[in-house]
């Protein structure tokens, strides 16, 4: 019985730590569901719309002004130069701010869908 439990535990551990499914590795929808792109932090997307030939023609599609800019400028602590890693999940971009706010944006237009402010400043 003890041997069976050991083998079952080892099997469960191996399955839990196994690689992501192959369908996730070839996803070309533009989803970026993890910091670094995937569980392995590969920072790679198989998208091919931008290449060496059209790179010089790129233009800024939109800019988002952080929700922190709407807060009072005299908050009690400095935040430093923190850079967020936006995530795109099911067509919505999520980004956090230096003051702990979270915003949901439309990735095609930059339109702000909602902001959560935990007032942790």
PDB file of N, CA and C in Angstrom:
ATOM      1  N   UNK A   1       0.828  -1.204   0.000  1.00  0.00           N
ATOM      2  CA  UNK A   1       0.000   0.000   0.000  1.00  0.00           C
ATOM      3  C   UNK A   1       0.865   1.257   0.000  1.00  0.00           C
ATOM      4  N   UNK A   2       1.941   1.217   0.794  1.00  0.00           N
ATOM      5  CA  UNK A   2       2.827   2.373   0.861  1.00  0.00           C
ATOM      6  C   UNK A   2       3.481   2.636  -0.502  1.00  0.00           C
ATOM      7  N   UNK A   3       3.854   1.556  -1.186  1.00  0.00           N
ATOM      8  CA  UNK A   3       4.467   1.706  -2.507  1.00  0.00           C
ATOM      9  C   UNK A   3       3.459   2.305  -3.495  1.00  0.00           C
ATOM     10  N   UNK A   4       2.210   1.850  -3.440  1.00  0.00           N
ATOM     11  CA  UNK A   4       1.167   2.377  -4.315  1.00  0.00           C
ATOM     12  C   UNK A   4       0.987   3.877  -4.099  1.00  0.00           C
ATOM     13  N   UNK A   5       0.934   4.319  -2.847  1.00  0.00           N
ATOM     14  CA  UNK A   5       0.781   5.744  -2.551  1.00  0.00           C
ATOM     15  C   UNK A   5       1.978   6.541  -3.051  1.00  0.00           C
ATOM     16  N   UNK A   6       3.165   5.979  -2.932  1.00  0.00           N
ATOM     17  CA  UNK A   6       4.363   6.664  -3.425  1.00  0.00           C
ATOM     18  C   UNK A   6       4.309   6.833  -4.934  1.00  0.00           C
ATOM     19  N   UNK A   7       3.929   5.778  -5.642  1.00  0.00           N
ATOM     20  CA  UNK A   7       3.838   5.851  -7.105  1.00  0.00           C
ATOM     21  C   UNK A   7       2.725   6.802  -7.523  1.00  0.00           C
ATOM     22  N   UNK A   8       1.589   6.750  -6.845  1.00  0.00           N
ATOM     23  CA  UNK A   8       0.478   7.652  -7.164  1.00  0.00           C
ATOM     24  C   UNK A   8       0.868   9.105  -6.917  1.00  0.00           C
ATOM     25  N   UNK A   9       1.567   9.372  -5.832  1.00  0.00           N
ATOM     26  CA  UNK A   9       2.012  10.737  -5.525  1.00  0.00           C
ATOM     27  C   UNK A   9       3.007  11.228  -6.563  1.00  0.00           C
ATOM     28  N   UNK A  10       3.950  10.379  -6.939  1.00  0.00           N
ATOM     29  CA  UNK A  10       4.940  10.749  -7.949  1.00  0.00           C
ATOM     30  C   UNK A  10       4.270  11.016  -9.289  1.00  0.00           C
ATOM     31  N   UNK A  11       3.317  10.186  -9.667  1.00  0.00           N
ATOM     32  CA  UNK A  11       2.588  10.383 -10.921  1.00  0.00           C
ATOM     33  C   UNK A  11       1.825  11.704 -10.902  1.00  0.00           C
ATOM     34  N   UNK A  12       1.142  11.997  -9.813  1.00  0.00           N
ATOM     35  CA  UNK A  12       0.407  13.258  -9.696  1.00  0.00           C
ATOM     36  C   UNK A  12       1.350  14.449  -9.784  1.00  0.00           C
ATOM     37  N   UNK A  13       2.513  14.346  -9.163  1.00  0.00           N
ATOM     38  CA  UNK A  13       3.495  15.428  -9.210  1.00  0.00           C
ATOM     39  C   UNK A  13       3.993  15.651 -10.632  1.00  0.00           C
ATOM     40  N   UNK A  14       4.314  14.582 -11.343  1.00  0.00           N
ATOM     41  CA  UNK A  14       4.816  14.695 -12.719  1.00  0.00           C
ATOM     42  C   UNK A  14       3.756  15.310 -13.624  1.00  0.00           C
ATOM     43  N   UNK A  15       2.509  14.890 -13.482  1.00  0.00           N
ATOM     44  CA  UNK A  15       1.430  15.444 -14.295  1.00  0.00           C
ATOM     45  C   UNK A  15       1.235  16.920 -13.980  1.00  0.00           C
ATOM     46  N   UNK A  16       1.280  17.297 -12.722  1.00  0.00           N
ATOM     47  CA  UNK A  16       1.092  18.699 -12.331  1.00  0.00           C
ATOM     48  C   UNK A  16       2.209  19.589 -12.849  1.00  0.00           C
ATOM     49  N   UNK A  17       3.406  19.060 -12.978  1.00  0.00           N
ATOM     50  CA  UNK A  17       4.559  19.847 -13.427  1.00  0.00           C
ATOM     51  C   UNK A  17       4.840  19.686 -14.913  1.00  0.00           C
ATOM     52  N   UNK A  18       3.973  19.003 -15.636  1.00  0.00           N
ATOM     53  CA  UNK A  18       4.233  18.730 -17.048  1.00  0.00           C
ATOM     54  C   UNK A  18       4.130  20.005 -17.875  1.00  0.00           C
ATOM     55  N   UNK A  19       4.638  19.926 -19.089  1.00  0.00           N
ATOM     56  CA  UNK A  19       4.648  21.066 -19.998  1.00  0.00           C
ATOM     57  C   UNK A  19       3.238  21.446 -20.395  1.00  0.00           C
ATOM     58  N   UNK A  20       3.085  22.721 -20.846  1.00  0.00           N
ATOM     59  CA  UNK A  20       1.798  23.176 -21.327  1.00  0.00           C
ATOM     60  C   UNK A  20       1.413  22.388 -22.564  1.00  0.00           C
ATOM     61  N   UNK A  21       0.119  22.328 -22.833  1.00  0.00           N
ATOM     62  CA  UNK A  21      -0.354  21.617 -24.012  1.00  0.00           C
ATOM     63  C   UNK A  21       0.173  22.228 -25.298  1.00  0.00           C
ATOM     64  N   UNK A  22       0.258  21.419 -26.323  1.00  0.00           N
ATOM     65  CA  UNK A  22       0.785  21.871 -27.611  1.00  0.00           C
ATOM     66  C   UNK A  22      -0.082  22.959 -28.230  1.00  0.00           C
ATOM     67  N   UNK A  23      -1.399  22.932 -27.965  1.00  0.00           N
ATOM     68  CA  UNK A  23      -2.262  23.960 -28.544  1.00  0.00           C
ATOM     69  C   UNK A  23      -1.914  25.345 -28.024  1.00  0.00           C
ATOM     70  N   UNK A  24      -1.429  25.468 -26.797  1.00  0.00           N
ATOM     71  CA  UNK A  24      -1.025  26.765 -26.264  1.00  0.00           C
ATOM     72  C   UNK A  24       0.263  27.253 -26.905  1.00  0.00           C
ATOM     73  N   UNK A  25       1.133  26.347 -27.281  1.00  0.00           N
ATOM     74  CA  UNK A  25       2.422  26.729 -27.847  1.00  0.00           C
ATOM     75  C   UNK A  25       2.272  27.347 -29.225  1.00  0.00           C
ATOM     76  N   UNK A  26       1.206  27.032 -29.945  1.00  0.00           N
ATOM     77  CA  UNK A  26       1.038  27.554 -31.296  1.00  0.00           C
ATOM     78  C   UNK A  26      -0.076  28.584 -31.381  1.00  0.00           C
ATOM     79  N   UNK A  27      -0.519  29.110 -30.276  1.00  0.00           N
ATOM     80  CA  UNK A  27      -1.602  30.083 -30.244  1.00  0.00           C
ATOM     81  C   UNK A  27      -1.161  31.386 -30.893  1.00  0.00           C
ATOM     82  N   UNK A  28      -1.893  31.826 -31.918  1.00  0.00           N
ATOM     83  CA  UNK A  28      -1.533  33.064 -32.613  1.00  0.00           C
ATOM     84  C   UNK A  28      -2.618  34.123 -32.458  1.00  0.00           C
ATOM     85  N   UNK A  29      -3.347  34.085 -31.366  1.00  0.00           N
ATOM     86  CA  UNK A  29      -4.429  35.049 -31.163  1.00  0.00           C
ATOM     87  C   UNK A  29      -3.954  36.355 -30.554  1.00  0.00           C
ATOM     88  N   UNK A  30      -2.725  36.403 -30.070  1.00  0.00           N
ATOM     89  CA  UNK A  30      -2.233  37.604 -29.414  1.00  0.00           C
ATOM     90  C   UNK A  30      -2.454  37.595 -27.918  1.00  0.00           C
ATOM     91  N   UNK A  31      -3.002  36.519 -27.382  1.00  0.00           N
ATOM     92  CA  UNK A  31      -3.179  36.415 -25.937  1.00  0.00           C
ATOM     93  C   UNK A  31      -1.811  36.370 -25.261  1.00  0.00           C
ATOM     94  N   UNK A  32      -1.683  37.043 -24.145  1.00  0.00           N
ATOM     95  CA  UNK A  32      -0.444  37.083 -23.357  1.00  0.00           C
ATOM     96  C   UNK A  32      -0.889  36.885 -21.926  1.00  0.00           C
ATOM     97  N   UNK A  33      -1.170  35.632 -21.548  1.00  0.00           N
ATOM     98  CA  UNK A  33      -1.852  35.335 -20.298  1.00  0.00           C
ATOM     99  C   UNK A  33      -0.944  35.230 -19.088  1.00  0.00           C
ATOM    100  N   UNK A  34       0.358  35.280 -19.303  1.00  0.00           N
ATOM    101  CA  UNK A  34       1.315  35.170 -18.202  1.00  0.00           C
ATOM    102  C   UNK A  34       2.410  36.207 -18.405  1.00  0.00           C
ATOM    103  N   UNK A  35       2.988  36.693 -17.332  1.00  0.00           N
ATOM    104  CA  UNK A  35       4.163  37.555 -17.471  1.00  0.00           C
ATOM    105  C   UNK A  35       5.217  36.745 -18.212  1.00  0.00           C
ATOM    106  N   UNK A  36       5.774  37.300 -19.265  1.00  0.00           N
ATOM    107  CA  UNK A  36       6.738  36.560 -20.075  1.00  0.00           C
ATOM    108  C   UNK A  36       6.084  35.739 -21.161  1.00  0.00           C
ATOM    109  N   UNK A  37       4.770  35.808 -21.278  1.00  0.00           N
ATOM    110  CA  UNK A  37       4.071  35.132 -22.356  1.00  0.00           C
ATOM    111  C   UNK A  37       3.523  33.762 -22.016  1.00  0.00           C
ATOM    112  N   UNK A  38       4.274  32.974 -21.241  1.00  0.00           N
ATOM    113  CA  UNK A  38       3.809  31.642 -20.864  1.00  0.00           C
ATOM    114  C   UNK A  38       4.461  31.242 -19.540  1.00  0.00           C
ATOM    115  N   UNK A  39       4.182  30.036 -19.087  1.00  0.00           N
ATOM    116  CA  UNK A  39       4.731  29.580 -17.799  1.00  0.00           C
ATOM    117  C   UNK A  39       6.252  29.503 -17.805  1.00  0.00           C
ATOM    118  N   UNK A  40       6.849  29.430 -19.004  1.00  0.00           N
ATOM    119  CA  UNK A  40       8.300  29.307 -19.109  1.00  0.00           C
ATOM    120  C   UNK A  40       8.981  30.649 -19.330  1.00  0.00           C
ATOM    121  N   UNK A  41       8.209  31.748 -19.319  1.00  0.00           N
ATOM    122  CA  UNK A  41       8.747  33.107 -19.466  1.00  0.00           C
ATOM    123  C   UNK A  41       9.561  33.249 -20.755  1.00  0.00           C
ATOM    124  N   UNK A  42       9.058  32.679 -21.856  1.00  0.00           N
ATOM    125  CA  UNK A  42       9.790  32.687 -23.122  1.00  0.00           C
ATOM    126  C   UNK A  42       9.743  34.027 -23.850  1.00  0.00           C
ATOM    127  N   UNK A  43       8.782  34.890 -23.506  1.00  0.00           N
ATOM    128  CA  UNK A  43       8.645  36.208 -24.137  1.00  0.00           C
ATOM    129  C   UNK A  43       8.595  36.100 -25.663  1.00  0.00           C
ATOM    130  N   UNK A  44       7.847  35.128 -26.151  1.00  0.00           N
ATOM    131  CA  UNK A  44       7.747  34.899 -27.588  1.00  0.00           C
ATOM    132  C   UNK A  44       6.289  34.731 -27.974  1.00  0.00           C
ATOM    133  N   UNK A  45       5.909  35.355 -29.073  1.00  0.00           N
ATOM    134  CA  UNK A  45       4.592  35.154 -29.656  1.00  0.00           C
ATOM    135  C   UNK A  45       4.797  34.833 -31.134  1.00  0.00           C
ATOM    136  N   UNK A  46       4.121  33.829 -31.659  1.00  0.00           N
ATOM    137  CA  UNK A  46       4.327  33.437 -33.048  1.00  0.00           C
ATOM    138  C   UNK A  46       3.617  34.342 -34.052  1.00  0.00           C
ATOM    139  N   UNK A  47       3.286  35.542 -33.655  1.00  0.00           N
ATOM    140  CA  UNK A  47       2.626  36.474 -34.566  1.00  0.00           C
ATOM    141  C   UNK A  47       3.625  36.929 -35.626  1.00  0.00           C
ATOM    142  N   UNK A  48       3.144  37.152 -36.851  1.00  0.00           N
ATOM    143  CA  UNK A  48       4.070  37.494 -37.930  1.00  0.00           C
ATOM    144  C   UNK A  48       3.685  38.754 -38.695  1.00  0.00           C
ATOM    145  N   UNK A  49       2.840  39.610 -38.128  1.00  0.00           N
ATOM    146  CA  UNK A  49       2.434  40.826 -38.822  1.00  0.00           C
ATOM    147  C   UNK A  49       3.543  41.864 -38.871  1.00  0.00           C
ATOM    148  N   UNK A  50       4.431  41.863 -37.909  1.00  0.00           N
ATOM    149  CA  UNK A  50       5.544  42.816 -37.879  1.00  0.00           C
ATOM    150  C   UNK A  50       6.800  42.062 -38.272  1.00  0.00           C
ATOM    151  N   UNK A  51       7.521  42.615 -39.251  1.00  0.00           N
ATOM    152  CA  UNK A  51       8.758  41.982 -39.695  1.00  0.00           C
ATOM    153  C   UNK A  51       9.767  43.064 -40.083  1.00  0.00           C
ATOM    154  N   UNK A  52      10.929  42.673 -40.537  1.00  0.00           N
ATOM    155  CA  UNK A  52      11.997  43.626 -40.860  1.00  0.00           C
ATOM    156  C   UNK A  52      11.593  44.573 -41.985  1.00  0.00           C
ATOM    157  N   UNK A  53      10.750  44.132 -42.903  1.00  0.00           N
ATOM    158  CA  UNK A  53      10.361  44.986 -44.038  1.00  0.00           C
ATOM    159  C   UNK A  53       9.393  46.086 -43.646  1.00  0.00           C
ATOM    160  N   UNK A  54       8.478  45.835 -42.710  1.00  0.00           N
ATOM    161  CA  UNK A  54       7.481  46.858 -42.376  1.00  0.00           C
ATOM    162  C   UNK A  54       7.740  47.540 -41.035  1.00  0.00           C
ATOM    163  N   UNK A  55       8.819  47.202 -40.370  1.00  0.00           N
ATOM    164  CA  UNK A  55       9.099  47.762 -39.050  1.00  0.00           C
ATOM    165  C   UNK A  55       9.168  49.285 -39.072  1.00  0.00           C
ATOM    166  N   UNK A  56       9.804  49.879 -40.072  1.00  0.00           N
ATOM    167  CA  UNK A  56       9.964  51.338 -40.154  1.00  0.00           C
ATOM    168  C   UNK A  56       8.635  52.054 -40.382  1.00  0.00           C
ATOM    169  N   UNK A  57       7.617  51.340 -40.810  1.00  0.00           N
ATOM    170  CA  UNK A  57       6.317  51.952 -41.098  1.00  0.00           C
ATOM    171  C   UNK A  57       5.366  51.929 -39.902  1.00  0.00           C
ATOM    172  N   UNK A  58       5.786  51.329 -38.804  1.00  0.00           N
ATOM    173  CA  UNK A  58       4.909  51.227 -37.639  1.00  0.00           C
ATOM    174  C   UNK A  58       4.614  52.599 -37.050  1.00  0.00           C
ATOM    175  N   UNK A  59       3.407  52.754 -36.537  1.00  0.00           N
ATOM    176  CA  UNK A  59       2.992  53.979 -35.861  1.00  0.00           C
ATOM    177  C   UNK A  59       2.371  53.602 -34.522  1.00  0.00           C
ATOM    178  N   UNK A  60       2.357  54.550 -33.609  1.00  0.00           N
ATOM    179  CA  UNK A  60       1.717  54.324 -32.310  1.00  0.00           C
ATOM    180  C   UNK A  60       0.213  54.268 -32.531  1.00  0.00           C
ATOM    181  N   UNK A  61      -0.412  53.188 -32.105  1.00  0.00           N
ATOM    182  CA  UNK A  61      -1.851  53.013 -32.296  1.00  0.00           C
ATOM    183  C   UNK A  61      -2.645  53.768 -31.232  1.00  0.00           C
ATOM    184  N   UNK A  62      -2.176  53.763 -29.998  1.00  0.00           N
ATOM    185  CA  UNK A  62      -2.834  54.476 -28.905  1.00  0.00           C
ATOM    186  C   UNK A  62      -1.893  54.559 -27.718  1.00  0.00           C
ATOM    187  N   UNK A  63      -2.198  55.478 -26.811  1.00  0.00           N
ATOM    188  CA  UNK A  63      -1.464  55.622 -25.552  1.00  0.00           C
ATOM    189  C   UNK A  63      -2.477  55.631 -24.423  1.00  0.00           C
ATOM    190  N   UNK A  64      -2.066  55.088 -23.301  1.00  0.00           N
ATOM    191  CA  UNK A  64      -2.924  55.099 -22.119  1.00  0.00           C
ATOM    192  C   UNK A  64      -2.218  55.874 -21.026  1.00  0.00           C
ATOM    193  N   UNK A  65      -2.908  56.821 -20.443  1.00  0.00           N
ATOM    194  CA  UNK A  65      -2.373  57.577 -19.315  1.00  0.00           C
ATOM    195  C   UNK A  65      -2.770  56.829 -18.046  1.00  0.00           C
ATOM    196  N   UNK A  66      -1.781  56.477 -17.254  1.00  0.00           N
ATOM    197  CA  UNK A  66      -2.010  55.678 -16.053  1.00  0.00           C
ATOM    198  C   UNK A  66      -3.057  56.311 -15.146  1.00  0.00           C
ATOM    199  N   UNK A  67      -3.847  55.454 -14.540  1.00  0.00           N
ATOM    200  CA  UNK A  67      -4.850  55.920 -13.580  1.00  0.00           C
ATOM    201  C   UNK A  67      -4.202  56.631 -12.401  1.00  0.00           C
ATOM    202  N   UNK A  68      -2.922  56.372 -12.146  1.00  0.00           N
ATOM    203  CA  UNK A  68      -2.211  57.054 -11.062  1.00  0.00           C
ATOM    204  C   UNK A  68      -2.152  58.560 -11.278  1.00  0.00           C
ATOM    205  N   UNK A  69      -2.223  59.001 -12.519  1.00  0.00           N
ATOM    206  CA  UNK A  69      -2.143  60.440 -12.785  1.00  0.00           C
ATOM    207  C   UNK A  69      -3.355  61.185 -12.240  1.00  0.00           C
ATOM    208  N   UNK A  70      -4.415  60.469 -11.919  1.00  0.00           N
ATOM    209  CA  UNK A  70      -5.618  61.101 -11.357  1.00  0.00           C
ATOM    210  C   UNK A  70      -5.585  61.176  -9.835  1.00  0.00           C
ATOM    211  N   UNK A  71      -4.542  60.600  -9.239  1.00  0.00           N
ATOM    212  CA  UNK A  71      -4.409  60.624  -7.780  1.00  0.00           C
ATOM    213  C   UNK A  71      -3.712  61.904  -7.342  1.00  0.00           C
ATOM    214  N   UNK A  72      -3.875  62.300  -6.076  1.00  0.00           N
ATOM    215  CA  UNK A  72      -3.154  63.480  -5.575  1.00  0.00           C
ATOM    216  C   UNK A  72      -1.646  63.284  -5.711  1.00  0.00           C
ATOM    217  N   UNK A  73      -0.933  64.349  -5.999  1.00  0.00           N
ATOM    218  CA  UNK A  73       0.511  64.271  -6.203  1.00  0.00           C
ATOM    219  C   UNK A  73       1.289  64.185  -4.894  1.00  0.00           C
ATOM    220  N   UNK A  74       0.644  64.413  -3.765  1.00  0.00           N
ATOM    221  CA  UNK A  74       1.355  64.440  -2.482  1.00  0.00           C
ATOM    222  C   UNK A  74       1.114  63.164  -1.662  1.00  0.00           C
ATOM    223  N   UNK A  75       1.069  62.026  -2.310  1.00  0.00           N
ATOM    224  CA  UNK A  75       0.881  60.775  -1.574  1.00  0.00           C
ATOM    225  C   UNK A  75       2.079  60.524  -0.677  1.00  0.00           C
ATOM    226  N   UNK A  76       1.869  59.747   0.367  1.00  0.00           N
ATOM    227  CA  UNK A  76       2.863  59.631   1.438  1.00  0.00           C
ATOM    228  C   UNK A  76       4.098  58.809   1.091  1.00  0.00           C
ATOM    229  N   UNK A  77       4.132  58.116  -0.021  1.00  0.00           N
ATOM    230  CA  UNK A  77       5.324  57.316  -0.321  1.00  0.00           C
ATOM    231  C   UNK A  77       5.669  57.392  -1.808  1.00  0.00           C
ATOM    232  N   UNK A  78       6.954  57.330  -2.125  1.00  0.00           N
ATOM    233  CA  UNK A  78       7.353  57.303  -3.535  1.00  0.00           C
ATOM    234  C   UNK A  78       7.203  55.880  -4.086  1.00  0.00           C
ATOM    235  N   UNK A  79       6.933  55.767  -5.366  1.00  0.00           N
ATOM    236  CA  UNK A  79       6.734  54.441  -5.949  1.00  0.00           C
ATOM    237  C   UNK A  79       7.912  53.973  -6.779  1.00  0.00           C
ATOM    238  N   UNK A  80       8.824  54.844  -7.106  1.00  0.00           N
ATOM    239  CA  UNK A  80       9.948  54.438  -7.943  1.00  0.00           C
ATOM    240  C   UNK A  80       9.553  54.356  -9.404  1.00  0.00           C
ATOM    241  N   UNK A  81      10.390  53.720 -10.177  1.00  0.00           N
ATOM    242  CA  UNK A  81      10.171  53.619 -11.616  1.00  0.00           C
ATOM    243  C   UNK A  81       9.755  52.196 -11.958  1.00  0.00           C
ATOM    244  N   UNK A  82       8.571  51.833 -11.589  1.00  0.00           N
ATOM    245  CA  UNK A  82       8.053  50.487 -11.784  1.00  0.00           C
ATOM    246  C   UNK A  82       7.460  50.369 -13.184  1.00  0.00           C
ATOM    247  N   UNK A  83       7.738  49.286 -13.886  1.00  0.00           N
ATOM    248  CA  UNK A  83       7.185  49.058 -15.223  1.00  0.00           C
ATOM    249  C   UNK A  83       6.253  47.851 -15.169  1.00  0.00           C
ATOM    250  N   UNK A  84       5.025  48.050 -15.576  1.00  0.00           N
ATOM    251  CA  UNK A  84       4.039  46.972 -15.554  1.00  0.00           C
ATOM    252  C   UNK A  84       4.241  46.023 -16.727  1.00  0.00           C
ATOM    253  N   UNK A  85       3.789  44.799 -16.561  1.00  0.00           N
ATOM    254  CA  UNK A  85       3.761  43.808 -17.639  1.00  0.00           C
ATOM    255  C   UNK A  85       2.288  43.550 -17.950  1.00  0.00           C
ATOM    256  N   UNK A  86       1.769  44.148 -19.013  1.00  0.00           N
ATOM    257  CA  UNK A  86       0.356  43.939 -19.337  1.00  0.00           C
ATOM    258  C   UNK A  86       0.083  42.481 -19.705  1.00  0.00           C
ATOM    259  N   UNK A  87      -1.101  42.019 -19.365  1.00  0.00           N
ATOM    260  CA  UNK A  87      -1.565  40.689 -19.751  1.00  0.00           C
ATOM    261  C   UNK A  87      -2.765  40.856 -20.663  1.00  0.00           C
ATOM    262  N   UNK A  88      -2.918  39.989 -21.635  1.00  0.00           N
ATOM    263  CA  UNK A  88      -4.098  39.989 -22.494  1.00  0.00           C
ATOM    264  C   UNK A  88      -4.763  38.631 -22.336  1.00  0.00           C
ATOM    265  N   UNK A  89      -5.982  38.654 -21.796  1.00  0.00           N
ATOM    266  CA  UNK A  89      -6.727  37.428 -21.537  1.00  0.00           C
ATOM    267  C   UNK A  89      -8.131  37.600 -22.097  1.00  0.00           C
ATOM    268  N   UNK A  90      -8.524  36.697 -22.985  1.00  0.00           N
ATOM    269  CA  UNK A  90      -9.848  36.713 -23.602  1.00  0.00           C
ATOM    270  C   UNK A  90     -10.182  38.082 -24.180  1.00  0.00           C
ATOM    271  N   UNK A  91      -9.222  38.690 -24.859  1.00  0.00           N
ATOM    272  CA  UNK A  91      -9.457  39.941 -25.564  1.00  0.00           C
ATOM    273  C   UNK A  91      -9.454  41.192 -24.706  1.00  0.00           C
ATOM    274  N   UNK A  92      -9.056  41.101 -23.453  1.00  0.00           N
ATOM    275  CA  UNK A  92      -8.984  42.267 -22.565  1.00  0.00           C
ATOM    276  C   UNK A  92      -7.556  42.392 -22.048  1.00  0.00           C
ATOM    277  N   UNK A  93      -7.016  43.616 -22.096  1.00  0.00           N
ATOM    278  CA  UNK A  93      -5.674  43.870 -21.567  1.00  0.00           C
ATOM    279  C   UNK A  93      -5.799  44.346 -20.122  1.00  0.00           C
ATOM    280  N   UNK A  94      -5.025  43.721 -19.238  1.00  0.00           N
ATOM    281  CA  UNK A  94      -5.006  44.093 -17.826  1.00  0.00           C
ATOM    282  C   UNK A  94      -3.626  44.639 -17.495  1.00  0.00           C
ATOM    283  N   UNK A  95      -3.593  45.787 -16.804  1.00  0.00           N
ATOM    284  CA  UNK A  95      -2.315  46.390 -16.435  1.00  0.00           C
ATOM    285  C   UNK A  95      -2.428  46.939 -15.017  1.00  0.00           C
ATOM    286  N   UNK A  96      -1.358  46.784 -14.248  1.00  0.00           N
ATOM    287  CA  UNK A  96      -1.348  47.351 -12.899  1.00  0.00           C
ATOM    288  C   UNK A  96      -0.491  48.611 -12.894  1.00  0.00           C
ATOM    289  N   UNK A  97      -0.670  49.427 -11.872  1.00  0.00           N
ATOM    290  CA  UNK A  97       0.025  50.710 -11.804  1.00  0.00           C
ATOM    291  C   UNK A  97       0.956  50.747 -10.594  1.00  0.00           C
ATOM    292  N   UNK A  98       1.759  51.792 -10.518  1.00  0.00           N
ATOM    293  CA  UNK A  98       2.691  51.956  -9.397  1.00  0.00           C
ATOM    294  C   UNK A  98       1.983  52.015  -8.047  1.00  0.00           C
ATOM    295  N   UNK A  99       0.770  52.528  -8.024  1.00  0.00           N
ATOM    296  CA  UNK A  99       0.028  52.668  -6.768  1.00  0.00           C
ATOM    297  C   UNK A  99      -0.941  51.517  -6.528  1.00  0.00           C
ATOM    298  N   UNK A 100      -0.759  50.399  -7.222  1.00  0.00           N
ATOM    299  CA  UNK A 100      -1.546  49.208  -6.951  1.00  0.00           C
ATOM    300  C   UNK A 100      -2.911  49.159  -7.602  1.00  0.00           C
ATOM    301  N   UNK A 101      -3.204  50.087  -8.488  1.00  0.00           N
ATOM    302  CA  UNK A 101      -4.470  50.038  -9.193  1.00  0.00           C
ATOM    303  C   UNK A 101      -4.372  49.027 -10.335  1.00  0.00           C
ATOM    304  N   UNK A 102      -5.511  48.524 -10.770  1.00  0.00           N
ATOM    305  CA  UNK A 102      -5.566  47.613 -11.908  1.00  0.00           C
ATOM    306  C   UNK A 102      -6.565  48.182 -12.899  1.00  0.00           C
ATOM    307  N   UNK A 103      -6.175  48.218 -14.171  1.00  0.00           N
ATOM    308  CA  UNK A 103      -7.057  48.731 -15.214  1.00  0.00           C
ATOM    309  C   UNK A 103      -7.270  47.661 -16.269  1.00  0.00           C
ATOM    310  N   UNK A 104      -8.477  47.618 -16.810  1.00  0.00           N
ATOM    311  CA  UNK A 104      -8.799  46.752 -17.942  1.00  0.00           C
ATOM    312  C   UNK A 104      -8.965  47.652 -19.158  1.00  0.00           C
ATOM    313  N   UNK A 105      -8.266  47.311 -20.237  1.00  0.00           N
ATOM    314  CA  UNK A 105      -8.271  48.130 -21.443  1.00  0.00           C
ATOM    315  C   UNK A 105      -8.665  47.294 -22.653  1.00  0.00           C
ATOM    316  N   UNK A 106      -9.237  47.963 -23.645  1.00  0.00           N
ATOM    317  CA  UNK A 106      -9.468  47.329 -24.939  1.00  0.00           C
ATOM    318  C   UNK A 106      -8.145  47.384 -25.690  1.00  0.00           C
ATOM    319  N   UNK A 107      -7.526  46.247 -26.014  1.00  0.00           N
ATOM    320  CA  UNK A 107      -6.194  46.284 -26.618  1.00  0.00           C
ATOM    321  C   UNK A 107      -6.159  46.871 -28.027  1.00  0.00           C
ATOM    322  N   UNK A 108      -7.280  46.930 -28.717  1.00  0.00           N
ATOM    323  CA  UNK A 108      -7.253  47.490 -30.066  1.00  0.00           C
ATOM    324  C   UNK A 108      -7.408  49.004 -30.078  1.00  0.00           C
ATOM    325  N   UNK A 109      -8.073  49.568 -29.068  1.00  0.00           N
ATOM    326  CA  UNK A 109      -8.306  51.014 -29.060  1.00  0.00           C
ATOM    327  C   UNK A 109      -7.675  51.737 -27.874  1.00  0.00           C
ATOM    328  N   UNK A 110      -7.335  51.015 -26.815  1.00  0.00           N
ATOM    329  CA  UNK A 110      -6.815  51.640 -25.609  1.00  0.00           C
ATOM    330  C   UNK A 110      -7.904  52.170 -24.697  1.00  0.00           C
ATOM    331  N   UNK A 111      -9.162  51.958 -25.075  1.00  0.00           N
ATOM    332  CA  UNK A 111     -10.276  52.439 -24.255  1.00  0.00           C
ATOM    333  C   UNK A 111     -10.241  51.772 -22.884  1.00  0.00           C
ATOM    334  N   UNK A 112     -10.408  52.588 -21.855  1.00  0.00           N
ATOM    335  CA  UNK A 112     -10.420  52.098 -20.482  1.00  0.00           C
ATOM    336  C   UNK A 112     -11.782  51.473 -20.201  1.00  0.00           C
ATOM    337  N   UNK A 113     -11.796  50.188 -19.878  1.00  0.00           N
ATOM    338  CA  UNK A 113     -13.047  49.492 -19.600  1.00  0.00           C
ATOM    339  C   UNK A 113     -13.447  49.641 -18.138  1.00  0.00           C
ATOM    340  N   UNK A 114     -12.498  49.492 -17.236  1.00  0.00           N
ATOM    341  CA  UNK A 114     -12.731  49.715 -15.811  1.00  0.00           C
ATOM    342  C   UNK A 114     -11.399  49.851 -15.095  1.00  0.00           C
ATOM    343  N   UNK A 115     -11.478  50.405 -13.865  1.00  0.00           N
ATOM    344  CA  UNK A 115     -10.301  50.533 -12.999  1.00  0.00           C
ATOM    345  C   UNK A 115     -10.696  50.062 -11.606  1.00  0.00           C
ATOM    346  N   UNK A 116      -9.811  49.294 -10.985  1.00  0.00           N
ATOM    347  CA  UNK A 116      -9.991  48.921  -9.588  1.00  0.00           C
ATOM    348  C   UNK A 116      -8.919  49.643  -8.787  1.00  0.00           C
ATOM    349  N   UNK A 117      -9.341  50.411  -7.800  1.00  0.00           N
ATOM    350  CA  UNK A 117      -8.422  51.160  -6.946  1.00  0.00           C
ATOM    351  C   UNK A 117      -8.556  50.640  -5.516  1.00  0.00           C
ATOM    352  N   UNK A 118      -7.580  49.861  -5.025  1.00  0.00           N
ATOM    353  CA  UNK A 118      -7.664  49.333  -3.664  1.00  0.00           C
ATOM    354  C   UNK A 118      -7.360  50.375  -2.597  1.00  0.00           C
ATOM    355  N   UNK A 119      -6.990  51.575  -3.011  1.00  0.00           N
ATOM    356  CA  UNK A 119      -6.640  52.679  -2.111  1.00  0.00           C
ATOM    357  C   UNK A 119      -5.584  52.243  -1.101  1.00  0.00           C
ATOM    358  N   UNK A 120      -4.545  51.612  -1.609  1.00  0.00           N
ATOM    359  CA  UNK A 120      -3.460  51.115  -0.757  1.00  0.00           C
ATOM    360  C   UNK A 120      -2.331  52.120  -0.608  1.00  0.00           C
ATOM    361  N   UNK A 121      -2.522  53.330  -1.052  1.00  0.00           N
ATOM    362  CA  UNK A 121      -1.487  54.357  -0.999  1.00  0.00           C
ATOM    363  C   UNK A 121      -1.662  55.237   0.215  1.00  0.00           C
TER     364      UNK A 121
END
